[in-house]
């Protein structure tokens, strides 16, 4: 293993499940017909794996309005003391898990990935996590000189990929999304002592 470089991959998934109830209203008018129906996304519990925790928050509401999706968030917590211990290495490059010195700075990358199930990505996709644009559903953010626990709540921005334009399209979306799920995965990569 290279000195000062350790790829610690701690995948953490926060799940978002879709449901067909809520308060967003869709109205389509063709002649004398109209429809007033609802759709939204519910968030499940937090997932913790070792030294990193991710919690999906807010509700994603599939509203007829352009790019109006409610207030989805992703909270990420990283235990500094635990990861700093992993970052300490012996002179020969072998990993030595031990308590870090006071205020030992570490650096690492957080890799965020958004995945979809049940056809939800046919209709919406995440475009940003915090201020970071997703490319092919992934973004990696570098953290440098970290000397304390990390606790960040990031807004997740979504955009329509295929917004229904009539009642038939809306009904097809509701049918397709009955088992849909959005998964956020957060990984720690390239963990090392900061130079």
Foldseek 3Di string as FASTA:
>chain_A
DDAQWDFFWFKFKWKKAWAFDDDAWDWDDDPPDIDTGFTWIGGDAKTDDPFKTKYWDWIFGQHLDFQDGTWIKIKMKGAQQQLQQQQDADPVRHTGRDGHDQQQFKKWKKKKAKDKPLCVVQFKDWQDWAPHGDDPRMDIDIDTSDRGMDIDMTTTGMGTNDRDDHPVSVVVVNVSRNGMMMMMIITITTMHGHD
